[in-house]
């Protein structure tokens, strides 16, 4: 089994705004903390329309977000 890298690439949202403000960033790789958890290597992913609404701030009154925001 290959070693798990300490960082991974993720779509980072620097502040509430439009998709044109998103960028790729290196973020810490999530840690496995429970015996029933797994890490999956992803080669490509899509963006859900609700993720765009969250990133635009549509839910900021209902939930507190910290930036950079990495949606999963």
N, C-alpha and C. Protein backbone atom coordinates (compact mmCIF):
# COMPACT_ATOMS: atom_id res chain seq x y z
N UNK A 1 0.85 -1.19 0.00
CA UNK A 1 0.00 0.00 0.00
C UNK A 1 0.89 1.24 0.00
N UNK A 2 0.54 2.22 -0.81
CA UNK A 2 1.30 3.46 -0.91
C UNK A 2 1.09 4.33 0.33
N UNK A 3 2.09 5.13 0.63
CA UNK A 3 1.98 6.05 1.77
C UNK A 3 0.95 7.13 1.45
N UNK A 4 0.24 7.56 2.47
CA UNK A 4 -0.77 8.62 2.31
C UNK A 4 -0.05 9.96 2.39
N UNK A 5 -0.19 10.81 1.36
CA UNK A 5 0.49 12.11 1.39
C UNK A 5 -0.11 13.02 2.46
N UNK A 6 0.69 13.93 3.01
CA UNK A 6 0.18 14.82 4.07
C UNK A 6 -0.80 15.87 3.57
N UNK A 7 -0.75 16.17 2.26
CA UNK A 7 -1.67 17.17 1.70
C UNK A 7 -2.37 16.61 0.47
N UNK A 8 -3.47 17.27 0.11
CA UNK A 8 -4.22 16.92 -1.09
C UNK A 8 -4.67 18.21 -1.77
N UNK A 9 -5.03 18.11 -3.04
CA UNK A 9 -5.57 19.28 -3.74
C UNK A 9 -7.07 19.33 -3.54
N UNK A 10 -7.59 20.53 -3.33
CA UNK A 10 -9.03 20.70 -3.13
C UNK A 10 -9.45 22.04 -3.73
N UNK A 11 -10.72 22.13 -4.07
CA UNK A 11 -11.28 23.39 -4.54
C UNK A 11 -11.51 24.27 -3.31
N UNK A 12 -10.82 25.39 -3.26
CA UNK A 12 -10.91 26.28 -2.10
C UNK A 12 -11.67 27.54 -2.47
N UNK A 13 -12.53 27.95 -1.56
CA UNK A 13 -13.34 29.15 -1.75
C UNK A 13 -12.84 30.18 -0.74
N UNK A 14 -12.19 31.27 -1.21
CA UNK A 14 -11.56 32.21 -0.30
C UNK A 14 -12.52 33.07 0.51
N UNK A 15 -13.70 33.33 -0.04
CA UNK A 15 -14.74 34.12 0.63
C UNK A 15 -16.03 33.91 -0.15
N UNK A 16 -17.14 34.38 0.38
CA UNK A 16 -18.39 34.24 -0.35
C UNK A 16 -18.24 34.93 -1.70
N UNK A 17 -18.64 34.25 -2.76
CA UNK A 17 -18.53 34.85 -4.08
C UNK A 17 -18.88 33.88 -5.19
N UNK A 18 -18.64 34.31 -6.40
CA UNK A 18 -18.96 33.55 -7.61
C UNK A 18 -17.92 32.47 -7.87
N UNK A 19 -18.26 31.47 -8.69
CA UNK A 19 -17.32 30.40 -9.02
C UNK A 19 -15.99 30.89 -9.60
N UNK A 20 -15.96 32.03 -10.22
CA UNK A 20 -14.71 32.54 -10.79
C UNK A 20 -13.67 32.85 -9.72
N UNK A 21 -14.08 32.94 -8.45
CA UNK A 21 -13.12 33.21 -7.37
C UNK A 21 -12.55 31.94 -6.75
N UNK A 22 -13.06 30.78 -7.11
CA UNK A 22 -12.57 29.52 -6.56
C UNK A 22 -11.18 29.23 -7.12
N UNK A 23 -10.39 28.48 -6.35
CA UNK A 23 -9.06 28.08 -6.83
C UNK A 23 -8.69 26.73 -6.25
N UNK A 24 -7.69 26.10 -6.85
CA UNK A 24 -7.17 24.86 -6.30
C UNK A 24 -6.17 25.21 -5.21
N UNK A 25 -6.20 24.46 -4.12
CA UNK A 25 -5.29 24.71 -3.01
C UNK A 25 -4.83 23.38 -2.44
N UNK A 26 -3.67 23.39 -1.83
CA UNK A 26 -3.20 22.22 -1.09
C UNK A 26 -3.71 22.35 0.33
N UNK A 27 -4.42 21.34 0.78
CA UNK A 27 -4.98 21.32 2.14
C UNK A 27 -4.56 20.02 2.81
N UNK A 28 -4.60 19.96 4.14
CA UNK A 28 -4.22 18.72 4.83
C UNK A 28 -5.13 17.56 4.43
N UNK A 29 -4.54 16.41 4.23
CA UNK A 29 -5.31 15.20 3.95
C UNK A 29 -6.07 14.81 5.20
N UNK A 30 -7.36 14.50 5.10
CA UNK A 30 -8.12 14.08 6.28
C UNK A 30 -7.48 12.85 6.93
N UNK A 31 -7.58 12.77 8.23
CA UNK A 31 -7.02 11.65 8.97
C UNK A 31 -8.09 10.61 9.26
N UNK A 32 -7.72 9.37 9.17
CA UNK A 32 -8.63 8.28 9.55
C UNK A 32 -8.54 8.15 11.07
N UNK A 33 -9.68 8.32 11.74
CA UNK A 33 -9.69 8.27 13.21
C UNK A 33 -10.55 7.15 13.77
N UNK A 34 -11.32 6.50 12.91
CA UNK A 34 -12.21 5.42 13.36
C UNK A 34 -11.96 4.18 12.50
N UNK A 35 -12.16 3.00 13.05
CA UNK A 35 -11.92 1.78 12.28
C UNK A 35 -12.85 1.58 11.09
N UNK A 36 -13.98 2.28 11.07
CA UNK A 36 -14.92 2.13 9.95
C UNK A 36 -14.78 3.24 8.91
N UNK A 37 -13.69 4.01 8.94
CA UNK A 37 -13.45 5.08 7.98
C UNK A 37 -12.43 4.64 6.93
N UNK A 38 -12.55 5.21 5.74
CA UNK A 38 -11.60 4.94 4.66
C UNK A 38 -11.27 6.25 3.94
N UNK A 39 -10.12 6.29 3.30
CA UNK A 39 -9.78 7.38 2.39
C UNK A 39 -9.87 6.82 0.98
N UNK A 40 -10.43 7.60 0.07
CA UNK A 40 -10.60 7.17 -1.31
C UNK A 40 -9.83 8.14 -2.20
N UNK A 41 -8.99 7.62 -3.09
CA UNK A 41 -8.26 8.47 -4.02
C UNK A 41 -9.20 8.87 -5.16
N UNK A 42 -9.34 10.18 -5.35
CA UNK A 42 -10.25 10.72 -6.36
C UNK A 42 -9.43 11.33 -7.49
N UNK A 43 -9.81 11.04 -8.72
CA UNK A 43 -9.12 11.60 -9.88
C UNK A 43 -9.89 12.77 -10.49
N UNK A 44 -11.19 12.84 -10.27
CA UNK A 44 -12.02 13.92 -10.80
C UNK A 44 -13.27 14.04 -9.95
N UNK A 45 -13.83 15.23 -9.88
CA UNK A 45 -15.05 15.44 -9.10
C UNK A 45 -15.85 16.58 -9.73
N UNK A 46 -17.12 16.59 -9.46
CA UNK A 46 -17.99 17.65 -9.95
C UNK A 46 -18.34 18.61 -8.84
N UNK A 47 -18.99 19.68 -9.20
CA UNK A 47 -19.47 20.67 -8.23
C UNK A 47 -20.99 20.63 -8.25
N UNK A 48 -21.58 20.39 -7.09
CA UNK A 48 -23.02 20.32 -6.94
C UNK A 48 -23.60 21.74 -6.94
N UNK A 49 -24.74 21.97 -7.55
CA UNK A 49 -25.34 23.31 -7.52
C UNK A 49 -25.54 23.87 -6.11
N UNK A 50 -25.82 23.03 -5.12
CA UNK A 50 -25.98 23.55 -3.75
C UNK A 50 -24.64 24.05 -3.21
N UNK A 51 -23.52 23.45 -3.65
CA UNK A 51 -22.20 23.95 -3.24
C UNK A 51 -21.99 25.37 -3.74
N UNK A 52 -22.46 25.67 -4.94
CA UNK A 52 -22.34 27.02 -5.48
C UNK A 52 -23.18 27.99 -4.64
N UNK A 53 -24.37 27.58 -4.25
CA UNK A 53 -25.23 28.44 -3.41
C UNK A 53 -24.56 28.69 -2.05
N UNK A 54 -23.98 27.64 -1.45
CA UNK A 54 -23.27 27.80 -0.18
C UNK A 54 -22.13 28.79 -0.36
N UNK A 55 -21.35 28.62 -1.43
CA UNK A 55 -20.20 29.48 -1.68
C UNK A 55 -20.61 30.92 -1.97
N UNK A 56 -21.80 31.13 -2.49
CA UNK A 56 -22.29 32.49 -2.74
C UNK A 56 -22.85 33.13 -1.47
N UNK A 57 -23.00 32.33 -0.39
CA UNK A 57 -23.48 32.88 0.87
C UNK A 57 -24.96 32.71 1.12
N UNK A 58 -25.64 31.89 0.33
CA UNK A 58 -27.09 31.73 0.47
C UNK A 58 -27.49 31.16 1.82
N UNK A 59 -26.60 30.43 2.47
CA UNK A 59 -26.94 29.80 3.76
C UNK A 59 -26.17 30.40 4.93
N UNK A 60 -25.55 31.56 4.74
CA UNK A 60 -24.70 32.11 5.79
C UNK A 60 -25.47 32.52 7.04
N UNK A 61 -26.76 32.74 6.94
CA UNK A 61 -27.55 33.07 8.13
C UNK A 61 -27.86 31.82 8.96
N UNK A 62 -27.81 30.66 8.33
CA UNK A 62 -28.16 29.41 9.02
C UNK A 62 -26.94 28.66 9.53
N UNK A 63 -25.76 28.98 9.01
CA UNK A 63 -24.56 28.23 9.37
C UNK A 63 -23.36 29.15 9.33
N UNK A 64 -22.43 28.97 10.28
CA UNK A 64 -21.21 29.77 10.29
C UNK A 64 -20.14 29.03 9.48
N UNK A 65 -19.52 29.73 8.55
CA UNK A 65 -18.48 29.16 7.70
C UNK A 65 -17.15 29.82 8.00
N UNK A 66 -16.07 29.06 7.89
CA UNK A 66 -14.73 29.61 8.01
C UNK A 66 -14.05 29.45 6.65
N UNK A 67 -13.18 30.38 6.34
CA UNK A 67 -12.51 30.40 5.04
C UNK A 67 -11.02 30.19 5.21
N UNK A 68 -10.37 29.56 4.23
CA UNK A 68 -10.93 29.11 2.97
C UNK A 68 -11.88 27.93 3.20
N UNK A 69 -12.94 27.92 2.45
CA UNK A 69 -13.98 26.90 2.57
C UNK A 69 -13.69 25.79 1.56
N UNK A 70 -13.64 24.55 2.05
CA UNK A 70 -13.47 23.38 1.19
C UNK A 70 -14.73 22.55 1.35
N UNK A 71 -15.54 22.50 0.32
CA UNK A 71 -16.80 21.75 0.38
C UNK A 71 -16.54 20.28 0.06
N UNK A 72 -17.28 19.42 0.72
CA UNK A 72 -17.10 17.98 0.47
C UNK A 72 -18.45 17.30 0.37
